[in-house]
PDB file of N, CA and C in Angstrom:
ATOM      1  N   UNK A   1     -36.023 191.256 200.852  1.00  0.00           N
ATOM      2  CA  UNK A   1     -36.340 191.986 202.652  1.00  0.00           C
ATOM      3  C   UNK A   1     -37.372 192.854 203.014  1.00  0.00           C
ATOM      4  N   UNK A   2     -37.875 192.591 204.235  1.00  0.00           N
ATOM      5  CA  UNK A   2     -38.636 193.801 204.387  1.00  0.00           C
ATOM      6  C   UNK A   2     -38.594 195.325 204.879  1.00  0.00           C
ATOM      7  N   UNK A   3     -39.106 196.265 204.557  1.00  0.00           N
ATOM      8  CA  UNK A   3     -38.836 197.583 204.361  1.00  0.00           C
ATOM      9  C   UNK A   3     -38.892 197.749 205.989  1.00  0.00           C
ATOM     10  N   UNK A   4     -39.501 196.810 206.630  1.00  0.00           N
ATOM     11  CA  UNK A   4     -39.832 197.748 208.171  1.00  0.00           C
ATOM     12  C   UNK A   4     -39.972 195.979 208.587  1.00  0.00           C
ATOM     13  N   UNK A   5     -39.246 196.379 210.012  1.00  0.00           N
ATOM     14  CA  UNK A   5     -39.513 195.040 211.363  1.00  0.00           C
ATOM     15  C   UNK A   5     -40.024 195.568 212.543  1.00  0.00           C
ATOM     16  N   UNK A   6     -40.984 194.820 213.113  1.00  0.00           N
ATOM     17  CA  UNK A   6     -41.425 196.124 214.528  1.00  0.00           C
ATOM     18  C   UNK A   6     -40.162 195.550 215.200  1.00  0.00           C
ATOM     19  N   UNK A   7     -39.009 195.009 215.025  1.00  0.00           N
ATOM     20  CA  UNK A   7     -37.743 194.627 215.415  1.00  0.00           C
ATOM     21  C   UNK A   7     -37.032 195.723 215.693  1.00  0.00           C
ATOM     22  N   UNK A   8     -37.084 196.909 214.693  1.00  0.00           N
ATOM     23  CA  UNK A   8     -36.187 197.862 214.916  1.00  0.00           C
ATOM     24  C   UNK A   8     -36.974 199.038 214.692  1.00  0.00           C
ATOM     25  N   UNK A   9     -38.025 198.888 214.032  1.00  0.00           N
ATOM     26  CA  UNK A   9     -39.027 200.454 214.346  1.00  0.00           C
ATOM     27  C   UNK A   9     -39.970 200.620 215.640  1.00  0.00           C
ATOM     28  N   UNK A  10     -39.349 201.716 215.814  1.00  0.00           N
ATOM     29  CA  UNK A  10     -39.921 202.822 216.761  1.00  0.00           C
ATOM     30  C   UNK A  10     -41.609 202.909 217.065  1.00  0.00           C
ATOM     31  N   UNK A  11     -42.562 202.823 217.658  1.00  0.00           N
ATOM     32  CA  UNK A  11     -43.552 203.384 218.529  1.00  0.00           C
ATOM     33  C   UNK A  11     -43.350 204.802 217.511  1.00  0.00           C
ATOM     34  N   UNK A  12     -42.186 205.782 217.810  1.00  0.00           N
ATOM     35  CA  UNK A  12     -43.108 206.736 217.145  1.00  0.00           C
ATOM     36  C   UNK A  12     -43.107 206.365 215.257  1.00  0.00           C
ATOM     37  N   UNK A  13     -41.942 205.992 215.096  1.00  0.00           N
ATOM     38  CA  UNK A  13     -41.817 205.741 213.556  1.00  0.00           C
ATOM     39  C   UNK A  13     -43.433 205.207 212.879  1.00  0.00           C
ATOM     40  N   UNK A  14     -43.889 203.967 213.726  1.00  0.00           N
ATOM     41  CA  UNK A  14     -44.833 203.554 213.393  1.00  0.00           C
ATOM     42  C   UNK A  14     -46.151 204.583 213.268  1.00  0.00           C
ATOM     43  N   UNK A  15     -46.030 205.580 214.424  1.00  0.00           N
ATOM     44  CA  UNK A  15     -47.629 206.809 214.345  1.00  0.00           C
ATOM     45  C   UNK A  15     -46.996 208.147 213.226  1.00  0.00           C
ATOM     46  N   UNK A  16     -45.929 208.292 213.641  1.00  0.00           N
ATOM     47  CA  UNK A  16     -45.538 209.628 212.402  1.00  0.00           C
ATOM     48  C   UNK A  16     -45.743 208.707 210.412  1.00  0.00           C
ATOM     49  N   UNK A  17     -45.570 207.603 210.614  1.00  0.00           N
ATOM     50  CA  UNK A  17     -44.965 207.430 209.266  1.00  0.00           C
ATOM     51  C   UNK A  17     -46.564 206.884 208.721  1.00  0.00           C
ATOM     52  N   UNK A  18     -47.040 208.039 207.799  1.00  0.00           N
ATOM     53  CA  UNK A  18     -48.426 207.604 206.698  1.00  0.00           C
ATOM     54  C   UNK A  18     -48.617 206.019 206.787  1.00  0.00           C
ATOM     55  N   UNK A  19     -47.263 205.219 206.414  1.00  0.00           N
ATOM     56  CA  UNK A  19     -47.849 203.995 205.794  1.00  0.00           C
ATOM     57  C   UNK A  19     -48.370 202.954 206.797  1.00  0.00           C
ATOM     58  N   UNK A  20     -47.315 203.341 207.684  1.00  0.00           N
ATOM     59  CA  UNK A  20     -47.300 202.097 209.040  1.00  0.00           C
ATOM     60  C   UNK A  20     -49.078 203.019 210.056  1.00  0.00           C
ATOM     61  N   UNK A  21     -48.735 204.305 209.792  1.00  0.00           N
ATOM     62  CA  UNK A  21     -50.109 204.630 210.535  1.00  0.00           C
ATOM     63  C   UNK A  21     -51.422 203.806 210.241  1.00  0.00           C
ATOM     64  N   UNK A  22     -51.489 203.969 208.978  1.00  0.00           N
ATOM     65  CA  UNK A  22     -52.922 203.235 208.538  1.00  0.00           C
ATOM     66  C   UNK A  22     -52.929 202.151 209.020  1.00  0.00           C
ATOM     67  N   UNK A  23     -51.992 201.347 208.914  1.00  0.00           N
ATOM     68  CA  UNK A  23     -52.393 200.014 209.276  1.00  0.00           C
ATOM     69  C   UNK A  23     -52.653 200.154 210.943  1.00  0.00           C
ATOM     70  N   UNK A  24     -52.136 200.573 211.785  1.00  0.00           N
ATOM     71  CA  UNK A  24     -52.332 200.628 213.087  1.00  0.00           C
ATOM     72  C   UNK A  24     -53.560 201.155 212.941  1.00  0.00           C
ATOM     73  N   UNK A  25     -54.366 201.993 212.317  1.00  0.00           N
ATOM     74  CA  UNK A  25     -55.903 202.239 212.201  1.00  0.00           C
ATOM     75  C   UNK A  25     -56.416 201.487 212.079  1.00  0.00           C
ATOM     76  N   UNK A  26     -56.327 200.665 210.750  1.00  0.00           N
ATOM     77  CA  UNK A  26     -57.245 199.748 210.490  1.00  0.00           C
ATOM     78  C   UNK A  26     -57.155 198.420 211.406  1.00  0.00           C
ATOM     79  N   UNK A  27     -55.789 198.230 211.781  1.00  0.00           N
ATOM     80  CA  UNK A  27     -55.509 196.809 212.359  1.00  0.00           C
ATOM     81  C   UNK A  27     -55.695 196.504 213.874  1.00  0.00           C
ATOM     82  N   UNK A  28     -54.759 197.902 214.860  1.00  0.00           N
ATOM     83  CA  UNK A  28     -55.188 197.903 216.117  1.00  0.00           C
ATOM     84  C   UNK A  28     -55.200 199.495 216.692  1.00  0.00           C
ATOM     85  N   UNK A  29     -56.665 199.603 216.336  1.00  0.00           N
ATOM     86  CA  UNK A  29     -56.984 201.089 216.616  1.00  0.00           C
ATOM     87  C   UNK A  29     -56.853 200.990 218.110  1.00  0.00           C
ATOM     88  N   UNK A  30     -56.720 200.142 218.967  1.00  0.00           N
ATOM     89  CA  UNK A  30     -57.520 200.652 220.340  1.00  0.00           C
ATOM     90  C   UNK A  30     -55.707 200.671 220.833  1.00  0.00           C
ATOM     91  N   UNK A  31     -55.017 200.576 220.496  1.00  0.00           N
ATOM     92  CA  UNK A  31     -53.692 200.956 221.057  1.00  0.00           C
ATOM     93  C   UNK A  31     -53.477 202.338 221.132  1.00  0.00           C
ATOM     94  N   UNK A  32     -54.152 202.795 220.181  1.00  0.00           N
ATOM     95  CA  UNK A  32     -53.915 204.593 220.275  1.00  0.00           C
ATOM     96  C   UNK A  32     -54.904 205.255 221.208  1.00  0.00           C
ATOM     97  N   UNK A  33     -55.488 204.200 222.161  1.00  0.00           N
ATOM     98  CA  UNK A  33     -55.970 204.712 223.383  1.00  0.00           C
ATOM     99  C   UNK A  33     -55.182 204.053 224.660  1.00  0.00           C
ATOM    100  N   UNK A  34     -54.388 204.426 224.134  1.00  0.00           N
ATOM    101  CA  UNK A  34     -53.113 204.529 225.425  1.00  0.00           C
ATOM    102  C   UNK A  34     -52.789 205.356 226.261  1.00  0.00           C
ATOM    103  N   UNK A  35     -53.146 205.018 227.272  1.00  0.00           N
ATOM    104  CA  UNK A  35     -52.651 206.278 227.736  1.00  0.00           C
ATOM    105  C   UNK A  35     -51.162 206.924 228.147  1.00  0.00           C
ATOM    106  N   UNK A  36     -50.148 205.780 227.964  1.00  0.00           N
ATOM    107  CA  UNK A  36     -48.823 205.877 228.170  1.00  0.00           C
ATOM    108  C   UNK A  36     -47.880 206.325 226.967  1.00  0.00           C
ATOM    109  N   UNK A  37     -49.200 205.827 225.557  1.00  0.00           N
ATOM    110  CA  UNK A  37     -48.494 206.440 224.204  1.00  0.00           C
ATOM    111  C   UNK A  37     -47.639 207.037 224.149  1.00  0.00           C
ATOM    112  N   UNK A  38     -47.717 208.533 224.113  1.00  0.00           N
ATOM    113  CA  UNK A  38     -46.609 209.553 223.785  1.00  0.00           C
ATOM    114  C   UNK A  38     -45.405 209.256 224.592  1.00  0.00           C
ATOM    115  N   UNK A  39     -45.418 208.481 226.048  1.00  0.00           N
ATOM    116  CA  UNK A  39     -44.404 208.402 226.738  1.00  0.00           C
ATOM    117  C   UNK A  39     -43.695 207.360 225.951  1.00  0.00           C
ATOM    118  N   UNK A  40     -43.930 206.446 225.259  1.00  0.00           N
ATOM    119  CA  UNK A  40     -43.559 205.004 225.138  1.00  0.00           C
ATOM    120  C   UNK A  40     -43.023 205.240 223.278  1.00  0.00           C
ATOM    121  N   UNK A  41     -42.767 206.319 222.827  1.00  0.00           N
ATOM    122  CA  UNK A  41     -42.565 206.839 221.589  1.00  0.00           C
ATOM    123  C   UNK A  41     -41.191 206.239 220.967  1.00  0.00           C
ATOM    124  N   UNK A  42     -40.077 206.558 222.414  1.00  0.00           N
ATOM    125  CA  UNK A  42     -39.020 206.207 221.634  1.00  0.00           C
ATOM    126  C   UNK A  42     -38.292 204.408 221.976  1.00  0.00           C
ATOM    127  N   UNK A  43     -39.225 203.545 222.348  1.00  0.00           N
ATOM    128  CA  UNK A  43     -39.338 202.620 222.793  1.00  0.00           C
ATOM    129  C   UNK A  43     -39.515 201.813 221.235  1.00  0.00           C
ATOM    130  N   UNK A  44     -38.659 200.347 220.701  1.00  0.00           N
ATOM    131  CA  UNK A  44     -38.631 199.794 219.628  1.00  0.00           C
ATOM    132  C   UNK A  44     -40.113 198.907 219.739  1.00  0.00           C
ATOM    133  N   UNK A  45     -40.645 199.072 218.893  1.00  0.00           N
ATOM    134  CA  UNK A  45     -41.875 198.570 218.818  1.00  0.00           C
ATOM    135  C   UNK A  45     -42.552 197.148 219.187  1.00  0.00           C
ATOM    136  N   UNK A  46     -41.563 196.604 219.241  1.00  0.00           N
ATOM    137  CA  UNK A  46     -41.777 194.961 220.001  1.00  0.00           C
ATOM    138  C   UNK A  46     -41.584 195.122 221.735  1.00  0.00           C
ATOM    139  N   UNK A  47     -40.926 196.020 221.496  1.00  0.00           N
ATOM    140  CA  UNK A  47     -40.253 195.921 223.126  1.00  0.00           C
ATOM    141  C   UNK A  47     -41.574 197.057 224.124  1.00  0.00           C
ATOM    142  N   UNK A  48     -42.418 197.239 222.913  1.00  0.00           N
ATOM    143  CA  UNK A  48     -43.834 197.859 223.886  1.00  0.00           C
ATOM    144  C   UNK A  48     -44.791 196.755 224.013  1.00  0.00           C
ATOM    145  N   UNK A  49     -44.824 195.483 223.199  1.00  0.00           N
ATOM    146  CA  UNK A  49     -46.054 194.915 223.242  1.00  0.00           C
ATOM    147  C   UNK A  49     -46.234 194.798 224.478  1.00  0.00           C
ATOM    148  N   UNK A  50     -45.455 194.700 225.491  1.00  0.00           N
ATOM    149  CA  UNK A  50     -46.292 193.906 227.050  1.00  0.00           C
ATOM    150  C   UNK A  50     -46.931 194.714 227.085  1.00  0.00           C
ATOM    151  N   UNK A  51     -46.647 196.440 227.054  1.00  0.00           N
ATOM    152  CA  UNK A  51     -48.118 197.361 227.577  1.00  0.00           C
ATOM    153  C   UNK A  51     -49.254 197.725 226.654  1.00  0.00           C
ATOM    154  N   UNK A  52     -49.541 196.998 225.826  1.00  0.00           N
ATOM    155  CA  UNK A  52     -50.821 197.247 225.030  1.00  0.00           C
ATOM    156  C   UNK A  52     -51.199 195.520 224.618  1.00  0.00           C
ATOM    157  N   UNK A  53     -50.616 194.448 225.670  1.00  0.00           N
ATOM    158  CA  UNK A  53     -51.046 193.151 225.310  1.00  0.00           C
ATOM    159  C   UNK A  53     -53.063 192.902 226.069  1.00  0.00           C
ATOM    160  N   UNK A  54     -53.317 194.222 226.561  1.00  0.00           N
ATOM    161  CA  UNK A  54     -54.183 194.770 226.943  1.00  0.00           C
ATOM    162  C   UNK A  54     -55.494 194.874 226.246  1.00  0.00           C
ATOM    163  N   UNK A  55     -54.746 195.197 225.319  1.00  0.00           N
ATOM    164  CA  UNK A  55     -55.512 196.427 224.412  1.00  0.00           C
ATOM    165  C   UNK A  55     -55.962 195.328 222.875  1.00  0.00           C
ATOM    166  N   UNK A  56     -55.108 194.778 223.120  1.00  0.00           N
ATOM    167  CA  UNK A  56     -55.343 193.883 221.228  1.00  0.00           C
ATOM    168  C   UNK A  56     -55.225 192.811 221.409  1.00  0.00           C
ATOM    169  N   UNK A  57     -55.680 192.084 220.543  1.00  0.00           N
ATOM    170  CA  UNK A  57     -55.643 190.011 220.710  1.00  0.00           C
ATOM    171  C   UNK A  57     -54.387 189.789 219.827  1.00  0.00           C
ATOM    172  N   UNK A  58     -54.142 188.698 220.730  1.00  0.00           N
ATOM    173  CA  UNK A  58     -52.573 187.898 219.988  1.00  0.00           C
ATOM    174  C   UNK A  58     -52.633 188.442 218.289  1.00  0.00           C
ATOM    175  N   UNK A  59     -54.326 187.455 217.618  1.00  0.00           N
ATOM    176  CA  UNK A  59     -54.411 187.504 216.602  1.00  0.00           C
ATOM    177  C   UNK A  59     -54.573 189.160 215.567  1.00  0.00           C
ATOM    178  N   UNK A  60     -54.718 189.744 216.325  1.00  0.00           N
ATOM    179  CA  UNK A  60     -54.667 191.054 216.085  1.00  0.00           C
ATOM    180  C   UNK A  60     -53.216 191.763 215.620  1.00  0.00           C
ATOM    181  N   UNK A  61     -52.182 191.134 216.643  1.00  0.00           N
ATOM    182  CA  UNK A  61     -51.251 191.915 216.614  1.00  0.00           C
ATOM    183  C   UNK A  61     -50.686 191.158 215.592  1.00  0.00           C
ATOM    184  N   UNK A  62     -50.958 189.939 215.530  1.00  0.00           N
ATOM    185  CA  UNK A  62     -49.933 189.105 214.341  1.00  0.00           C
ATOM    186  C   UNK A  62     -50.678 189.678 213.055  1.00  0.00           C
ATOM    187  N   UNK A  63     -52.039 190.216 212.701  1.00  0.00           N
ATOM    188  CA  UNK A  63     -52.451 190.869 211.559  1.00  0.00           C
ATOM    189  C   UNK A  63     -51.050 191.925 211.294  1.00  0.00           C
ATOM    190  N   UNK A  64     -51.224 192.478 212.156  1.00  0.00           N
ATOM    191  CA  UNK A  64     -50.163 193.851 212.072  1.00  0.00           C
ATOM    192  C   UNK A  64     -49.342 193.864 212.015  1.00  0.00           C
ATOM    193  N   UNK A  65     -48.509 192.566 212.561  1.00  0.00           N
ATOM    194  CA  UNK A  65     -46.984 192.275 212.314  1.00  0.00           C
ATOM    195  C   UNK A  65     -46.858 191.839 210.412  1.00  0.00           C
ATOM    196  N   UNK A  66     -47.736 190.978 210.325  1.00  0.00           N
ATOM    197  CA  UNK A  66     -47.916 190.519 209.102  1.00  0.00           C
ATOM    198  C   UNK A  66     -47.851 191.612 207.884  1.00  0.00           C
ATOM    199  N   UNK A  67     -48.991 192.696 207.793  1.00  0.00           N
ATOM    200  CA  UNK A  67     -49.239 193.465 207.108  1.00  0.00           C
ATOM    201  C   UNK A  67     -47.860 194.562 207.279  1.00  0.00           C
ATOM    202  N   UNK A  68     -47.132 194.781 208.200  1.00  0.00           N
ATOM    203  CA  UNK A  68     -45.730 195.455 208.350  1.00  0.00           C
ATOM    204  C   UNK A  68     -44.948 194.933 207.590  1.00  0.00           C
ATOM    205  N   UNK A  69     -44.870 193.692 207.730  1.00  0.00           N
ATOM    206  CA  UNK A  69     -43.564 192.811 206.874  1.00  0.00           C
ATOM    207  C   UNK A  69     -44.037 192.838 205.450  1.00  0.00           C
ATOM    208  N   UNK A  70     -44.647 192.615 204.565  1.00  0.00           N
ATOM    209  CA  UNK A  70     -45.601 193.061 203.763  1.00  0.00           C
ATOM    210  C   UNK A  70     -45.273 193.887 202.812  1.00  0.00           C
ATOM    211  N   UNK A  71     -45.073 194.974 203.383  1.00  0.00           N
ATOM    212  CA  UNK A  71     -44.879 196.597 203.335  1.00  0.00           C
ATOM    213  C   UNK A  71     -43.330 196.394 201.959  1.00  0.00           C
ATOM    214  N   UNK A  72     -42.939 195.652 202.130  1.00  0.00           N
ATOM    215  CA  UNK A  72     -41.416 195.522 201.654  1.00  0.00           C
ATOM    216  C   UNK A  72     -41.833 194.633 200.673  1.00  0.00           C
TER     217      UNK A  72
END
């Protein structure tokens, strides 16, 4: 079973957890430039995806999702 799921983890958890943040930094760093990043910290990550679709490709997002799930 996966340690993390983008269906349950918040944006804040992704940004504040060093293990998850390193995946953001390496796989989807463009999301860190989103102007409303701090406002969206309480969102479940998957609920925030529509707001970052213009910053990342579907392949990048899938690679991030797979890497997160592989942590477990």
